[in-house]
Amino acid sequence: QVQLVESGGGLAQAGGSLRLSCAASVRTSTLNYIGWYRQAPGKERELAARITNEDTTTYADFAKGRFAIFRDNENTVFLEMNNLYPEDTAVYYCNAFGLVTGLRDVWGQGTLVTVSS
């Protein structure tokens, strides 16, 4: 079973930056895609950014120009978040999908990002 472990969340000031990491138990190249969702209190979970095994990236409108997703050559995917807003406060979840996940979505436990004004 593929496992995902997030890290890097914490407290940031508005305008600041954070980098989230997601370590997968498999090489990211074996996944169709891996990415980040977020869920703010009282809101639905939403996609922030995703990267495929061919390095095609997808960003939510709120992430464009501020967030960057990239992966290393091994098993980790990163989400660089710049110019943070208080509205970016949420639990950020790593998500992966592929043959190795049994063609189902796999989720990490989440990491909390809090942005203060």
Protein backbone atom coordinates (compact mmCIF):
# COMPACT_ATOMS: atom_id res chain seq x y z
CA GLN A 1 0.00 0.00 0.00
CA VAL A 2 1.37 3.36 -1.03
CA GLN A 3 1.91 5.72 1.87
CA LEU A 4 2.30 9.49 1.79
CA VAL A 5 3.85 11.53 4.59
CA GLU A 6 3.58 15.31 4.54
CA SER A 7 5.76 17.78 6.36
CA GLY A 8 6.59 21.47 6.30
CA GLY A 9 3.37 23.00 7.50
CA GLY A 10 3.32 25.61 10.21
CA LEU A 11 2.73 29.25 10.88
CA ALA A 12 3.59 31.96 8.38
CA GLN A 13 2.86 35.65 8.14
CA ALA A 14 0.90 37.09 5.26
CA GLY A 15 3.29 37.64 2.38
CA GLY A 16 5.59 34.92 3.64
CA SER A 17 6.53 31.55 2.23
CA LEU A 18 6.40 27.91 3.17
CA ARG A 19 7.56 24.75 1.47
CA LEU A 20 5.59 21.56 1.95
CA SER A 21 7.07 18.14 1.32
CA CYS A 22 5.35 14.85 0.63
CA ALA A 23 7.41 11.68 0.85
CA ALA A 24 5.88 8.73 -0.96
CA SER A 25 6.70 5.11 -0.25
CA VAL A 26 7.23 4.61 -4.00
CA ARG A 27 9.09 6.53 -6.64
CA THR A 28 6.91 9.39 -7.85
CA SER A 29 7.69 8.35 -11.43
CA THR A 30 5.55 5.24 -10.87
CA LEU A 31 2.48 7.37 -10.13
CA ASN A 32 0.20 8.81 -12.78
CA TYR A 33 0.13 11.95 -10.71
CA ILE A 34 0.85 13.28 -7.26
CA GLY A 35 -0.26 16.56 -5.85
CA TRP A 36 -1.69 18.72 -3.12
CA TYR A 37 -5.20 19.44 -2.00
CA ARG A 38 -6.26 21.71 0.80
CA GLN A 39 -9.25 21.97 3.08
CA ALA A 40 -10.07 25.08 5.04
CA PRO A 41 -12.43 24.98 8.03
CA GLY A 42 -16.00 24.62 6.88
CA LYS A 43 -15.03 24.24 3.25
CA GLU A 44 -14.67 21.38 0.84
CA ARG A 45 -11.33 19.90 -0.06
CA GLU A 46 -9.94 21.48 -3.23
CA LEU A 47 -7.04 20.88 -5.54
CA ALA A 48 -4.09 23.25 -5.17
CA ALA A 49 -1.58 21.74 -7.58
CA ARG A 50 -0.74 18.44 -9.27
CA ILE A 51 2.17 17.05 -11.24
CA THR A 52 2.12 14.03 -13.54
CA ASN A 53 4.84 11.47 -14.14
CA GLU A 54 5.64 13.46 -17.30
CA ASP A 55 6.02 16.63 -15.24
CA THR A 56 2.85 18.23 -16.54
CA THR A 57 1.55 20.56 -13.87
CA THR A 58 -1.93 21.78 -13.04
CA TYR A 59 -2.69 24.65 -10.70
CA ALA A 60 -5.85 25.97 -9.16
CA ASP A 61 -6.55 29.59 -10.00
CA PHE A 62 -5.66 30.67 -6.47
CA ALA A 63 -2.29 28.95 -6.76
CA LYS A 64 -1.21 30.32 -10.12
CA GLY A 65 1.72 32.68 -9.81
CA ARG A 66 2.20 31.97 -6.11
CA PHE A 67 2.59 28.20 -5.70
CA ALA A 68 4.99 25.89 -7.47
CA ILE A 69 4.90 22.11 -7.47
CA PHE A 70 7.93 20.04 -8.32
CA ARG A 71 9.39 16.65 -7.53
CA ASP A 72 12.84 15.23 -7.04
CA ASN A 73 14.18 12.19 -8.87
CA GLU A 74 13.19 9.89 -6.07
CA ASN A 75 10.03 9.86 -4.00
CA THR A 76 9.30 13.40 -2.84
CA VAL A 77 7.04 16.11 -4.18
CA PHE A 78 7.21 19.68 -2.96
CA LEU A 79 4.82 22.59 -2.87
CA GLU A 80 6.53 25.95 -2.68
CA MET A 81 4.04 28.55 -1.50
CA ASN A 82 4.91 32.23 -1.78
CA ASN A 83 3.10 35.46 -1.04
CA LEU A 84 0.77 33.66 1.35
CA TYR A 85 -2.62 35.08 2.25
CA PRO A 86 -4.61 34.40 5.41
CA GLU A 87 -7.10 32.66 3.08
CA ASP A 88 -4.43 30.03 2.40
CA THR A 89 -4.92 28.77 5.95
CA ALA A 90 -5.94 25.13 5.62
CA VAL A 91 -4.89 21.55 6.09
CA TYR A 92 -2.88 20.54 3.06
CA TYR A 93 -3.10 16.94 1.93
CA CYS A 94 -0.84 15.03 -0.39
CA ASN A 95 -2.68 12.92 -2.95
CA ALA A 96 -1.47 10.27 -5.37
CA PHE A 97 -2.95 8.02 -8.03
CA GLY A 98 -1.64 5.30 -10.29
CA LEU A 99 -1.40 1.60 -11.00
CA VAL A 100 0.69 1.20 -7.84
CA THR A 101 -2.16 2.67 -5.79
CA GLY A 102 -4.58 0.19 -7.29
CA LEU A 103 -6.06 2.95 -9.43
CA ARG A 104 -7.51 4.67 -6.44
CA ASP A 105 -6.69 7.93 -4.71
CA VAL A 106 -4.31 7.69 -1.77
CA TRP A 107 -4.07 10.46 0.81
CA GLY A 108 -1.58 11.58 3.39
CA GLN A 109 -2.56 12.59 6.89
CA GLY A 110 -2.36 16.29 6.14
CA THR A 111 -0.25 19.16 7.39
CA LEU A 112 -1.67 22.37 8.80
CA VAL A 113 -0.73 25.72 7.30
CA THR A 114 -1.74 28.82 9.23
CA VAL A 115 -1.20 32.25 7.75
CA SER A 116 -1.55 35.21 10.06
CA SER A 117 -2.44 38.69 8.91
